[in-house]
């Protein structure tokens, strides 16, 4: 699980969405990010458009936070907001972990 200090707060999420930040698209997630020095913070948004059931949305969030919490390959610092896509409902935990590694590699080239 991702420690609370590494999660984005509501105000930080709103600020990140409202500012013109960078966006990277992946298979299961879009990634809004703002690189800055300091602690890396993460957030995930799973819209009700993805699934009407809160249990499905929470399952996606738990898989994401579990994968990012143990992923040592994330080297970048800053604020990162993952926006879930519809096809992440059918994704397995392993696929989400691979997606996170893919986005981390793509981010390091920017």
PDB file of N, CA and C in Angstrom:
ATOM      1  N   UNK A   1       0.842  -1.180   0.000  1.00  0.00           N
ATOM      2  CA  UNK A   1       0.000   0.000   0.000  1.00  0.00           C
ATOM      3  C   UNK A   1       0.882   1.236   0.000  1.00  0.00           C
ATOM      4  N   UNK A   2       0.425   2.247  -0.633  1.00  0.00           N
ATOM      5  CA  UNK A   2       1.154   3.503  -0.735  1.00  0.00           C
ATOM      6  C   UNK A   2       0.965   4.306   0.547  1.00  0.00           C
ATOM      7  N   UNK A   3       2.065   4.767   1.169  1.00  0.00           N
ATOM      8  CA  UNK A   3       1.926   5.570   2.391  1.00  0.00           C
ATOM      9  C   UNK A   3       1.130   6.849   2.142  1.00  0.00           C
ATOM     10  N   UNK A   4       0.445   7.315   3.171  1.00  0.00           N
ATOM     11  CA  UNK A   4      -0.417   8.483   3.041  1.00  0.00           C
ATOM     12  C   UNK A   4       0.353   9.732   2.629  1.00  0.00           C
ATOM     13  N   UNK A   5       1.603   9.850   3.071  1.00  0.00           N
ATOM     14  CA  UNK A   5       2.398  11.029   2.718  1.00  0.00           C
ATOM     15  C   UNK A   5       2.722  11.077   1.225  1.00  0.00           C
ATOM     16  N   UNK A   6       2.598   9.961   0.537  1.00  0.00           N
ATOM     17  CA  UNK A   6       2.872   9.910  -0.890  1.00  0.00           C
ATOM     18  C   UNK A   6       1.610   9.993  -1.743  1.00  0.00           C
ATOM     19  N   UNK A   7       0.473  10.298  -1.140  1.00  0.00           N
ATOM     20  CA  UNK A   7      -0.774  10.436  -1.887  1.00  0.00           C
ATOM     21  C   UNK A   7      -1.113  11.916  -2.059  1.00  0.00           C
ATOM     22  N   UNK A   8      -1.674  12.223  -3.204  1.00  0.00           N
ATOM     23  CA  UNK A   8      -2.107  13.591  -3.458  1.00  0.00           C
ATOM     24  C   UNK A   8      -3.359  13.905  -2.656  1.00  0.00           C
ATOM     25  N   UNK A   9      -3.425  15.115  -2.113  1.00  0.00           N
ATOM     26  CA  UNK A   9      -4.629  15.580  -1.420  1.00  0.00           C
ATOM     27  C   UNK A   9      -5.595  16.158  -2.447  1.00  0.00           C
ATOM     28  N   UNK A  10      -6.828  16.348  -2.038  1.00  0.00           N
ATOM     29  CA  UNK A  10      -7.871  16.847  -2.940  1.00  0.00           C
ATOM     30  C   UNK A  10      -7.467  18.179  -3.572  1.00  0.00           C
ATOM     31  N   UNK A  11      -6.903  19.097  -2.792  1.00  0.00           N
ATOM     32  CA  UNK A  11      -6.508  20.409  -3.330  1.00  0.00           C
ATOM     33  C   UNK A  11      -5.399  20.250  -4.374  1.00  0.00           C
ATOM     34  N   UNK A  12      -4.473  19.338  -4.129  1.00  0.00           N
ATOM     35  CA  UNK A  12      -3.379  19.111  -5.074  1.00  0.00           C
ATOM     36  C   UNK A  12      -3.901  18.487  -6.367  1.00  0.00           C
ATOM     37  N   UNK A  13      -4.866  17.598  -6.251  1.00  0.00           N
ATOM     38  CA  UNK A  13      -5.471  16.978  -7.434  1.00  0.00           C
ATOM     39  C   UNK A  13      -6.193  18.033  -8.262  1.00  0.00           C
ATOM     40  N   UNK A  14      -6.983  18.879  -7.601  1.00  0.00           N
ATOM     41  CA  UNK A  14      -7.700  19.937  -8.319  1.00  0.00           C
ATOM     42  C   UNK A  14      -6.734  20.903  -8.993  1.00  0.00           C
ATOM     43  N   UNK A  15      -5.675  21.265  -8.301  1.00  0.00           N
ATOM     44  CA  UNK A  15      -4.680  22.167  -8.873  1.00  0.00           C
ATOM     45  C   UNK A  15      -3.990  21.559 -10.077  1.00  0.00           C
ATOM     46  N   UNK A  16      -3.682  20.280  -9.995  1.00  0.00           N
ATOM     47  CA  UNK A  16      -3.021  19.585 -11.094  1.00  0.00           C
ATOM     48  C   UNK A  16      -3.930  19.487 -12.312  1.00  0.00           C
ATOM     49  N   UNK A  17      -5.223  19.253 -12.088  1.00  0.00           N
ATOM     50  CA  UNK A  17      -6.172  19.175 -13.203  1.00  0.00           C
ATOM     51  C   UNK A  17      -6.401  20.540 -13.835  1.00  0.00           C
ATOM     52  N   UNK A  18      -6.436  21.599 -13.024  1.00  0.00           N
ATOM     53  CA  UNK A  18      -6.745  22.935 -13.541  1.00  0.00           C
ATOM     54  C   UNK A  18      -5.574  23.576 -14.266  1.00  0.00           C
ATOM     55  N   UNK A  19      -4.348  23.296 -13.815  1.00  0.00           N
ATOM     56  CA  UNK A  19      -3.184  23.852 -14.505  1.00  0.00           C
ATOM     57  C   UNK A  19      -2.971  23.088 -15.803  1.00  0.00           C
ATOM     58  N   UNK A  20      -2.309  23.725 -16.719  1.00  0.00           N
ATOM     59  CA  UNK A  20      -1.975  23.076 -17.982  1.00  0.00           C
ATOM     60  C   UNK A  20      -0.716  22.243 -17.752  1.00  0.00           C
ATOM     61  N   UNK A  21      -0.900  21.011 -17.310  1.00  0.00           N
ATOM     62  CA  UNK A  21       0.218  20.125 -17.047  1.00  0.00           C
ATOM     63  C   UNK A  21       0.409  19.171 -18.210  1.00  0.00           C
ATOM     64  N   UNK A  22       1.468  18.404 -18.149  1.00  0.00           N
ATOM     65  CA  UNK A  22       1.784  17.455 -19.206  1.00  0.00           C
ATOM     66  C   UNK A  22       0.918  16.208 -19.076  1.00  0.00           C
ATOM     67  N   UNK A  23       0.642  15.575 -20.199  1.00  0.00           N
ATOM     68  CA  UNK A  23      -0.201  14.389 -20.229  1.00  0.00           C
ATOM     69  C   UNK A  23       0.464  13.319 -21.087  1.00  0.00           C
ATOM     70  N   UNK A  24       0.534  12.107 -20.535  1.00  0.00           N
ATOM     71  CA  UNK A  24       1.035  10.945 -21.260  1.00  0.00           C
ATOM     72  C   UNK A  24      -0.101   9.923 -21.283  1.00  0.00           C
ATOM     73  N   UNK A  25      -0.315   9.288 -22.431  1.00  0.00           N
ATOM     74  CA  UNK A  25      -1.368   8.286 -22.552  1.00  0.00           C
ATOM     75  C   UNK A  25      -0.769   6.886 -22.563  1.00  0.00           C
ATOM     76  N   UNK A  26      -1.396   5.989 -21.826  1.00  0.00           N
ATOM     77  CA  UNK A  26      -1.032   4.584 -21.825  1.00  0.00           C
ATOM     78  C   UNK A  26      -2.246   3.754 -22.191  1.00  0.00           C
ATOM     79  N   UNK A  27      -2.124   2.443 -22.022  1.00  0.00           N
ATOM     80  CA  UNK A  27      -3.213   1.543 -22.377  1.00  0.00           C
ATOM     81  C   UNK A  27      -4.356   1.604 -21.362  1.00  0.00           C
ATOM     82  N   UNK A  28      -4.023   1.643 -20.072  1.00  0.00           N
ATOM     83  CA  UNK A  28      -5.029   1.619 -19.007  1.00  0.00           C
ATOM     84  C   UNK A  28      -5.197   2.955 -18.295  1.00  0.00           C
ATOM     85  N   UNK A  29      -4.186   3.829 -18.390  1.00  0.00           N
ATOM     86  CA  UNK A  29      -4.212   5.100 -17.662  1.00  0.00           C
ATOM     87  C   UNK A  29      -3.695   6.223 -18.536  1.00  0.00           C
ATOM     88  N   UNK A  30      -4.196   7.419 -18.271  1.00  0.00           N
ATOM     89  CA  UNK A  30      -3.573   8.644 -18.725  1.00  0.00           C
ATOM     90  C   UNK A  30      -2.810   9.186 -17.525  1.00  0.00           C
ATOM     91  N   UNK A  31      -1.720   9.871 -17.735  1.00  0.00           N
ATOM     92  CA  UNK A  31      -0.906  10.371 -16.625  1.00  0.00           C
ATOM     93  C   UNK A  31      -0.705  11.870 -16.755  1.00  0.00           C
ATOM     94  N   UNK A  32      -1.288  12.626 -15.827  1.00  0.00           N
ATOM     95  CA  UNK A  32      -1.025  14.055 -15.699  1.00  0.00           C
ATOM     96  C   UNK A  32       0.125  14.198 -14.721  1.00  0.00           C
ATOM     97  N   UNK A  33       1.119  14.987 -15.067  1.00  0.00           N
ATOM     98  CA  UNK A  33       2.246  15.098 -14.150  1.00  0.00           C
ATOM     99  C   UNK A  33       2.837  16.493 -14.144  1.00  0.00           C
ATOM    100  N   UNK A  34       3.500  16.767 -13.053  1.00  0.00           N
ATOM    101  CA  UNK A  34       4.213  18.020 -12.870  1.00  0.00           C
ATOM    102  C   UNK A  34       5.494  17.666 -12.117  1.00  0.00           C
ATOM    103  N   UNK A  35       6.620  17.757 -12.822  1.00  0.00           N
ATOM    104  CA  UNK A  35       7.892  17.419 -12.197  1.00  0.00           C
ATOM    105  C   UNK A  35       8.333  18.560 -11.303  1.00  0.00           C
ATOM    106  N   UNK A  36       8.776  18.197 -10.096  1.00  0.00           N
ATOM    107  CA  UNK A  36       9.348  19.173  -9.180  1.00  0.00           C
ATOM    108  C   UNK A  36      10.168  18.419  -8.146  1.00  0.00           C
ATOM    109  N   UNK A  37      11.069  19.121  -7.529  1.00  0.00           N
ATOM    110  CA  UNK A  37      11.940  18.504  -6.525  1.00  0.00           C
ATOM    111  C   UNK A  37      11.145  18.198  -5.267  1.00  0.00           C
ATOM    112  N   UNK A  38      11.537  17.153  -4.590  1.00  0.00           N
ATOM    113  CA  UNK A  38      10.891  16.801  -3.339  1.00  0.00           C
ATOM    114  C   UNK A  38      10.260  15.425  -3.412  1.00  0.00           C
ATOM    115  N   UNK A  39       9.286  15.234  -2.585  1.00  0.00           N
ATOM    116  CA  UNK A  39       8.611  13.955  -2.441  1.00  0.00           C
ATOM    117  C   UNK A  39       7.718  13.659  -3.641  1.00  0.00           C
ATOM    118  N   UNK A  40       7.724  12.427  -4.106  1.00  0.00           N
ATOM    119  CA  UNK A  40       6.811  12.007  -5.170  1.00  0.00           C
ATOM    120  C   UNK A  40       5.446  11.727  -4.568  1.00  0.00           C
ATOM    121  N   UNK A  41       4.419  12.296  -5.180  1.00  0.00           N
ATOM    122  CA  UNK A  41       3.044  12.090  -4.717  1.00  0.00           C
ATOM    123  C   UNK A  41       2.209  11.579  -5.876  1.00  0.00           C
ATOM    124  N   UNK A  42       1.305  10.646  -5.551  1.00  0.00           N
ATOM    125  CA  UNK A  42       0.503   9.989  -6.565  1.00  0.00           C
ATOM    126  C   UNK A  42      -0.977  10.067  -6.227  1.00  0.00           C
ATOM    127  N   UNK A  43      -1.786  10.074  -7.255  1.00  0.00           N
ATOM    128  CA  UNK A  43      -3.234  10.021  -7.105  1.00  0.00           C
ATOM    129  C   UNK A  43      -3.806   9.265  -8.283  1.00  0.00           C
ATOM    130  N   UNK A  44      -4.986   8.725  -8.088  1.00  0.00           N
ATOM    131  CA  UNK A  44      -5.660   8.016  -9.172  1.00  0.00           C
ATOM    132  C   UNK A  44      -7.133   8.418  -9.155  1.00  0.00           C
ATOM    133  N   UNK A  45      -7.662   8.686 -10.339  1.00  0.00           N
ATOM    134  CA  UNK A  45      -9.070   9.031 -10.480  1.00  0.00           C
ATOM    135  C   UNK A  45      -9.728   7.954 -11.337  1.00  0.00           C
ATOM    136  N   UNK A  46     -10.753   7.337 -10.772  1.00  0.00           N
ATOM    137  CA  UNK A  46     -11.555   6.360 -11.503  1.00  0.00           C
ATOM    138  C   UNK A  46     -12.971   6.914 -11.527  1.00  0.00           C
ATOM    139  N   UNK A  47     -13.371   7.394 -12.659  1.00  0.00           N
ATOM    140  CA  UNK A  47     -14.658   8.052 -12.826  1.00  0.00           C
ATOM    141  C   UNK A  47     -15.814   7.070 -12.736  1.00  0.00           C
ATOM    142  N   UNK A  48     -16.987   7.592 -12.421  1.00  0.00           N
ATOM    143  CA  UNK A  48     -18.208   6.774 -12.424  1.00  0.00           C
ATOM    144  C   UNK A  48     -18.560   6.346 -13.840  1.00  0.00           C
ATOM    145  N   UNK A  49     -17.984   7.000 -14.847  1.00  0.00           N
ATOM    146  CA  UNK A  49     -18.190   6.574 -16.228  1.00  0.00           C
ATOM    147  C   UNK A  49     -17.489   5.250 -16.511  1.00  0.00           C
ATOM    148  N   UNK A  50     -16.448   4.938 -15.732  1.00  0.00           N
ATOM    149  CA  UNK A  50     -15.722   3.676 -15.884  1.00  0.00           C
ATOM    150  C   UNK A  50     -16.608   2.531 -15.404  1.00  0.00           C
ATOM    151  N   UNK A  51     -17.166   2.683 -14.209  1.00  0.00           N
ATOM    152  CA  UNK A  51     -18.074   1.687 -13.654  1.00  0.00           C
ATOM    153  C   UNK A  51     -19.020   2.384 -12.684  1.00  0.00           C
ATOM    154  N   UNK A  52     -20.262   1.999 -12.723  1.00  0.00           N
ATOM    155  CA  UNK A  52     -21.234   2.571 -11.797  1.00  0.00           C
ATOM    156  C   UNK A  52     -21.048   2.024 -10.385  1.00  0.00           C
ATOM    157  N   UNK A  53     -20.458   0.846 -10.276  1.00  0.00           N
ATOM    158  CA  UNK A  53     -20.268   0.214  -8.975  1.00  0.00           C
ATOM    159  C   UNK A  53     -19.037   0.781  -8.274  1.00  0.00           C
ATOM    160  N   UNK A  54     -19.226   1.262  -7.065  1.00  0.00           N
ATOM    161  CA  UNK A  54     -18.110   1.791  -6.280  1.00  0.00           C
ATOM    162  C   UNK A  54     -17.105   0.689  -5.954  1.00  0.00           C
ATOM    163  N   UNK A  55     -17.585  -0.532  -5.796  1.00  0.00           N
ATOM    164  CA  UNK A  55     -16.674  -1.637  -5.476  1.00  0.00           C
ATOM    165  C   UNK A  55     -15.690  -1.885  -6.617  1.00  0.00           C
ATOM    166  N   UNK A  56     -16.134  -1.744  -7.859  1.00  0.00           N
ATOM    167  CA  UNK A  56     -15.233  -1.896  -9.007  1.00  0.00           C
ATOM    168  C   UNK A  56     -14.216  -0.763  -9.055  1.00  0.00           C
ATOM    169  N   UNK A  57     -14.677   0.460  -8.807  1.00  0.00           N
ATOM    170  CA  UNK A  57     -13.770   1.603  -8.813  1.00  0.00           C
ATOM    171  C   UNK A  57     -12.734   1.478  -7.699  1.00  0.00           C
ATOM    172  N   UNK A  58     -13.162   1.038  -6.535  1.00  0.00           N
ATOM    173  CA  UNK A  58     -12.239   0.883  -5.415  1.00  0.00           C
ATOM    174  C   UNK A  58     -11.245  -0.244  -5.663  1.00  0.00           C
ATOM    175  N   UNK A  59     -11.659  -1.280  -6.344  1.00  0.00           N
ATOM    176  CA  UNK A  59     -10.761  -2.386  -6.681  1.00  0.00           C
ATOM    177  C   UNK A  59      -9.628  -1.894  -7.574  1.00  0.00           C
ATOM    178  N   UNK A  60      -9.967  -1.065  -8.551  1.00  0.00           N
ATOM    179  CA  UNK A  60      -8.945  -0.504  -9.440  1.00  0.00           C
ATOM    180  C   UNK A  60      -7.978   0.357  -8.649  1.00  0.00           C
ATOM    181  N   UNK A  61      -8.490   1.187  -7.752  1.00  0.00           N
ATOM    182  CA  UNK A  61      -7.635   2.048  -6.932  1.00  0.00           C
ATOM    183  C   UNK A  61      -6.707   1.228  -6.046  1.00  0.00           C
ATOM    184  N   UNK A  62      -7.240   0.169  -5.423  1.00  0.00           N
ATOM    185  CA  UNK A  62      -6.416  -0.677  -4.563  1.00  0.00           C
ATOM    186  C   UNK A  62      -5.303  -1.355  -5.346  1.00  0.00           C
ATOM    187  N   UNK A  63      -5.626  -1.864  -6.542  1.00  0.00           N
ATOM    188  CA  UNK A  63      -4.595  -2.494  -7.371  1.00  0.00           C
ATOM    189  C   UNK A  63      -3.528  -1.480  -7.764  1.00  0.00           C
ATOM    190  N   UNK A  64      -3.964  -0.278  -8.105  1.00  0.00           N
ATOM    191  CA  UNK A  64      -3.011   0.756  -8.497  1.00  0.00           C
ATOM    192  C   UNK A  64      -2.095   1.124  -7.330  1.00  0.00           C
ATOM    193  N   UNK A  65      -2.673   1.447  -6.168  1.00  0.00           N
ATOM    194  CA  UNK A  65      -1.868   1.868  -5.028  1.00  0.00           C
ATOM    195  C   UNK A  65      -0.940   0.750  -4.558  1.00  0.00           C
ATOM    196  N   UNK A  66      -1.378  -0.484  -4.655  1.00  0.00           N
ATOM    197  CA  UNK A  66      -0.537  -1.613  -4.292  1.00  0.00           C
ATOM    198  C   UNK A  66       0.647  -1.725  -5.254  1.00  0.00           C
ATOM    199  N   UNK A  67       0.388  -1.562  -6.543  1.00  0.00           N
ATOM    200  CA  UNK A  67       1.447  -1.677  -7.547  1.00  0.00           C
ATOM    201  C   UNK A  67       2.446  -0.528  -7.440  1.00  0.00           C
ATOM    202  N   UNK A  68       1.973   0.682  -7.252  1.00  0.00           N
ATOM    203  CA  UNK A  68       2.884   1.830  -7.192  1.00  0.00           C
ATOM    204  C   UNK A  68       3.648   1.842  -5.866  1.00  0.00           C
ATOM    205  N   UNK A  69       3.051   1.271  -4.827  1.00  0.00           N
ATOM    206  CA  UNK A  69       3.695   1.235  -3.516  1.00  0.00           C
ATOM    207  C   UNK A  69       4.916   0.350  -3.486  1.00  0.00           C
ATOM    208  N   UNK A  70       4.910  -0.719  -4.275  1.00  0.00           N
ATOM    209  CA  UNK A  70       6.069  -1.597  -4.251  1.00  0.00           C
ATOM    210  C   UNK A  70       6.946  -1.465  -5.484  1.00  0.00           C
ATOM    211  N   UNK A  71       6.632  -0.541  -6.330  1.00  0.00           N
ATOM    212  CA  UNK A  71       7.403  -0.336  -7.553  1.00  0.00           C
ATOM    213  C   UNK A  71       8.625   0.525  -7.260  1.00  0.00           C
ATOM    214  N   UNK A  72       9.806  -0.073  -7.339  1.00  0.00           N
ATOM    215  CA  UNK A  72      11.042   0.666  -7.058  1.00  0.00           C
ATOM    216  C   UNK A  72      11.586   1.372  -8.297  1.00  0.00           C
ATOM    217  N   UNK A  73      10.978   1.162  -9.438  1.00  0.00           N
ATOM    218  CA  UNK A  73      11.497   1.727 -10.671  1.00  0.00           C
ATOM    219  C   UNK A  73      11.050   3.160 -10.902  1.00  0.00           C
ATOM    220  N   UNK A  74      10.209   3.689 -10.026  1.00  0.00           N
ATOM    221  CA  UNK A  74       9.726   5.058 -10.200  1.00  0.00           C
ATOM    222  C   UNK A  74      10.768   6.015  -9.647  1.00  0.00           C
ATOM    223  N   UNK A  75      11.511   6.682 -10.529  1.00  0.00           N
ATOM    224  CA  UNK A  75      12.625   7.531 -10.133  1.00  0.00           C
ATOM    225  C   UNK A  75      12.278   9.016 -10.125  1.00  0.00           C
ATOM    226  N   UNK A  76      11.246   9.400 -10.823  1.00  0.00           N
ATOM    227  CA  UNK A  76      10.899  10.812 -10.967  1.00  0.00           C
ATOM    228  C   UNK A  76      10.323  11.371  -9.672  1.00  0.00           C
ATOM    229  N   UNK A  77      10.499  12.689  -9.509  1.00  0.00           N
ATOM    230  CA  UNK A  77       9.943  13.381  -8.353  1.00  0.00           C
ATOM    231  C   UNK A  77       8.913  14.388  -8.848  1.00  0.00           C
ATOM    232  N   UNK A  78       7.849  14.552  -8.075  1.00  0.00           N
ATOM    233  CA  UNK A  78       6.811  15.503  -8.444  1.00  0.00           C
ATOM    234  C   UNK A  78       5.431  14.975  -8.099  1.00  0.00           C
ATOM    235  N   UNK A  79       4.434  15.531  -8.773  1.00  0.00           N
ATOM    236  CA  UNK A  79       3.042  15.138  -8.570  1.00  0.00           C
ATOM    237  C   UNK A  79       2.562  14.385  -9.800  1.00  0.00           C
ATOM    238  N   UNK A  80       1.939  13.244  -9.575  1.00  0.00           N
ATOM    239  CA  UNK A  80       1.502  12.385 -10.667  1.00  0.00           C
ATOM    240  C   UNK A  80       0.060  11.954 -10.433  1.00  0.00           C
ATOM    241  N   UNK A  81      -0.792  12.230 -11.402  1.00  0.00           N
ATOM    242  CA  UNK A  81      -2.209  11.898 -11.308  1.00  0.00           C
ATOM    243  C   UNK A  81      -2.568  10.944 -12.443  1.00  0.00           C
ATOM    244  N   UNK A  82      -2.972   9.741 -12.086  1.00  0.00           N
ATOM    245  CA  UNK A  82      -3.344   8.722 -13.055  1.00  0.00           C
ATOM    246  C   UNK A  82      -4.852   8.777 -13.273  1.00  0.00           C
ATOM    247  N   UNK A  83      -5.258   8.824 -14.542  1.00  0.00           N
ATOM    248  CA  UNK A  83      -6.664   8.882 -14.918  1.00  0.00           C
ATOM    249  C   UNK A  83      -7.016   7.551 -15.573  1.00  0.00           C
ATOM    250  N   UNK A  84      -7.880   6.784 -14.922  1.00  0.00           N
ATOM    251  CA  UNK A  84      -8.223   5.439 -15.394  1.00  0.00           C
ATOM    252  C   UNK A  84      -9.043   5.494 -16.675  1.00  0.00           C
ATOM    253  N   UNK A  85      -8.809   4.488 -17.512  1.00  0.00           N
ATOM    254  CA  UNK A  85      -9.582   4.321 -18.736  1.00  0.00           C
ATOM    255  C   UNK A  85     -10.516   3.124 -18.580  1.00  0.00           C
ATOM    256  N   UNK A  86     -11.481   3.029 -19.454  1.00  0.00           N
ATOM    257  CA  UNK A  86     -12.526   2.009 -19.360  1.00  0.00           C
ATOM    258  C   UNK A  86     -11.972   0.577 -19.359  1.00  0.00           C
ATOM    259  N   UNK A  87     -10.932   0.325 -20.131  1.00  0.00           N
ATOM    260  CA  UNK A  87     -10.430  -1.044 -20.248  1.00  0.00           C
ATOM    261  C   UNK A  87      -9.634  -1.512 -19.025  1.00  0.00           C
ATOM    262  N   UNK A  88      -9.419  -0.661 -18.031  1.00  0.00           N
ATOM    263  CA  UNK A  88      -8.703  -1.097 -16.828  1.00  0.00           C
ATOM    264  C   UNK A  88      -9.591  -1.972 -15.936  1.00  0.00           C
ATOM    265  N   UNK A  89     -10.885  -2.015 -16.204  1.00  0.00           N
ATOM    266  CA  UNK A  89     -11.783  -2.908 -15.459  1.00  0.00           C
ATOM    267  C   UNK A  89     -11.410  -4.371 -15.658  1.00  0.00           C
ATOM    268  N   UNK A  90     -10.964  -4.702 -16.848  1.00  0.00           N
ATOM    269  CA  UNK A  90     -10.632  -6.084 -17.179  1.00  0.00           C
ATOM    270  C   UNK A  90      -9.163  -6.407 -16.964  1.00  0.00           C
ATOM    271  N   UNK A  91      -8.395  -5.443 -16.502  1.00  0.00           N
ATOM    272  CA  UNK A  91      -6.957  -5.629 -16.340  1.00  0.00           C
ATOM    273  C   UNK A  91      -6.645  -6.423 -15.078  1.00  0.00           C
ATOM    274  N   UNK A  92      -5.573  -7.187 -15.151  1.00  0.00           N
ATOM    275  CA  UNK A  92      -5.075  -7.888 -13.987  1.00  0.00           C
ATOM    276  C   UNK A  92      -4.019  -7.030 -13.314  1.00  0.00           C
ATOM    277  N   UNK A  93      -3.679  -7.387 -12.087  1.00  0.00           N
ATOM    278  CA  UNK A  93      -2.697  -6.627 -11.321  1.00  0.00           C
ATOM    279  C   UNK A  93      -1.348  -6.572 -12.041  1.00  0.00           C
ATOM    280  N   UNK A  94      -0.955  -7.680 -12.641  1.00  0.00           N
ATOM    281  CA  UNK A  94       0.312  -7.750 -13.369  1.00  0.00           C
ATOM    282  C   UNK A  94       0.323  -6.761 -14.533  1.00  0.00           C
ATOM    283  N   UNK A  95      -0.802  -6.631 -15.234  1.00  0.00           N
ATOM    284  CA  UNK A  95      -0.881  -5.714 -16.366  1.00  0.00           C
ATOM    285  C   UNK A  95      -0.803  -4.257 -15.899  1.00  0.00           C
ATOM    286  N   UNK A  96      -1.404  -3.964 -14.769  1.00  0.00           N
ATOM    287  CA  UNK A  96      -1.335  -2.604 -14.228  1.00  0.00           C
ATOM    288  C   UNK A  96       0.097  -2.274 -13.813  1.00  0.00           C
ATOM    289  N   UNK A  97       0.790  -3.243 -13.220  1.00  0.00           N
ATOM    290  CA  UNK A  97       2.195  -3.036 -12.854  1.00  0.00           C
ATOM    291  C   UNK A  97       3.041  -2.770 -14.095  1.00  0.00           C
ATOM    292  N   UNK A  98       2.804  -3.521 -15.171  1.00  0.00           N
ATOM    293  CA  UNK A  98       3.535  -3.304 -16.415  1.00  0.00           C
ATOM    294  C   UNK A  98       3.237  -1.930 -17.004  1.00  0.00           C
ATOM    295  N   UNK A  99       1.991  -1.492 -16.891  1.00  0.00           N
ATOM    296  CA  UNK A  99       1.601  -0.166 -17.378  1.00  0.00           C
ATOM    297  C   UNK A  99       2.332   0.934 -16.615  1.00  0.00           C
ATOM    298  N   UNK A 100       2.462   0.762 -15.303  1.00  0.00           N
ATOM    299  CA  UNK A 100       3.158   1.751 -14.477  1.00  0.00           C
ATOM    300  C   UNK A 100       4.626   1.825 -14.867  1.00  0.00           C
ATOM    301  N   UNK A 101       5.255   0.680 -15.096  1.00  0.00           N
ATOM    302  CA  UNK A 101       6.656   0.649 -15.534  1.00  0.00           C
ATOM    303  C   UNK A 101       6.788   1.320 -16.904  1.00  0.00           C
ATOM    304  N   UNK A 102       5.846   1.044 -17.811  1.00  0.00           N
ATOM    305  CA  UNK A 102       5.855   1.648 -19.140  1.00  0.00           C
ATOM    306  C   UNK A 102       5.766   3.176 -19.053  1.00  0.00           C
ATOM    307  N   UNK A 103       4.832   3.661 -18.232  1.00  0.00           N
ATOM    308  CA  UNK A 103       4.670   5.112 -18.092  1.00  0.00           C
ATOM    309  C   UNK A 103       5.886   5.746 -17.406  1.00  0.00           C
ATOM    310  N   UNK A 104       6.501   5.037 -16.471  1.00  0.00           N
ATOM    311  CA  UNK A 104       7.697   5.557 -15.799  1.00  0.00           C
ATOM    312  C   UNK A 104       8.848   5.692 -16.801  1.00  0.00           C
ATOM    313  N   UNK A 105       8.995   4.704 -17.658  1.00  0.00           N
ATOM    314  CA  UNK A 105      10.046   4.767 -18.692  1.00  0.00           C
ATOM    315  C   UNK A 105       9.787   5.879 -19.683  1.00  0.00           C
ATOM    316  N   UNK A 106       8.529   6.033 -20.079  1.00  0.00           N
ATOM    317  CA  UNK A 106       8.152   7.091 -21.009  1.00  0.00           C
ATOM    318  C   UNK A 106       8.379   8.478 -20.387  1.00  0.00           C
ATOM    319  N   UNK A 107       8.096   8.584 -19.091  1.00  0.00           N
ATOM    320  CA  UNK A 107       8.259   9.839 -18.374  1.00  0.00           C
ATOM    321  C   UNK A 107       9.727  10.227 -18.228  1.00  0.00           C
ATOM    322  N   UNK A 108      10.591   9.244 -18.043  1.00  0.00           N
ATOM    323  CA  UNK A 108      12.007   9.540 -17.865  1.00  0.00           C
ATOM    324  C   UNK A 108      12.653  10.081 -19.135  1.00  0.00           C
ATOM    325  N   UNK A 109      12.033   9.821 -20.302  1.00  0.00           N
ATOM    326  CA  UNK A 109      12.560  10.318 -21.569  1.00  0.00           C
ATOM    327  C   UNK A 109      12.127  11.752 -21.859  1.00  0.00           C
ATOM    328  N   UNK A 110      11.191  12.269 -21.074  1.00  0.00           N
ATOM    329  CA  UNK A 110      10.693  13.650 -21.291  1.00  0.00           C
ATOM    330  C   UNK A 110      11.549  14.619 -20.529  1.00  0.00           C
TER     331      UNK A 110
END
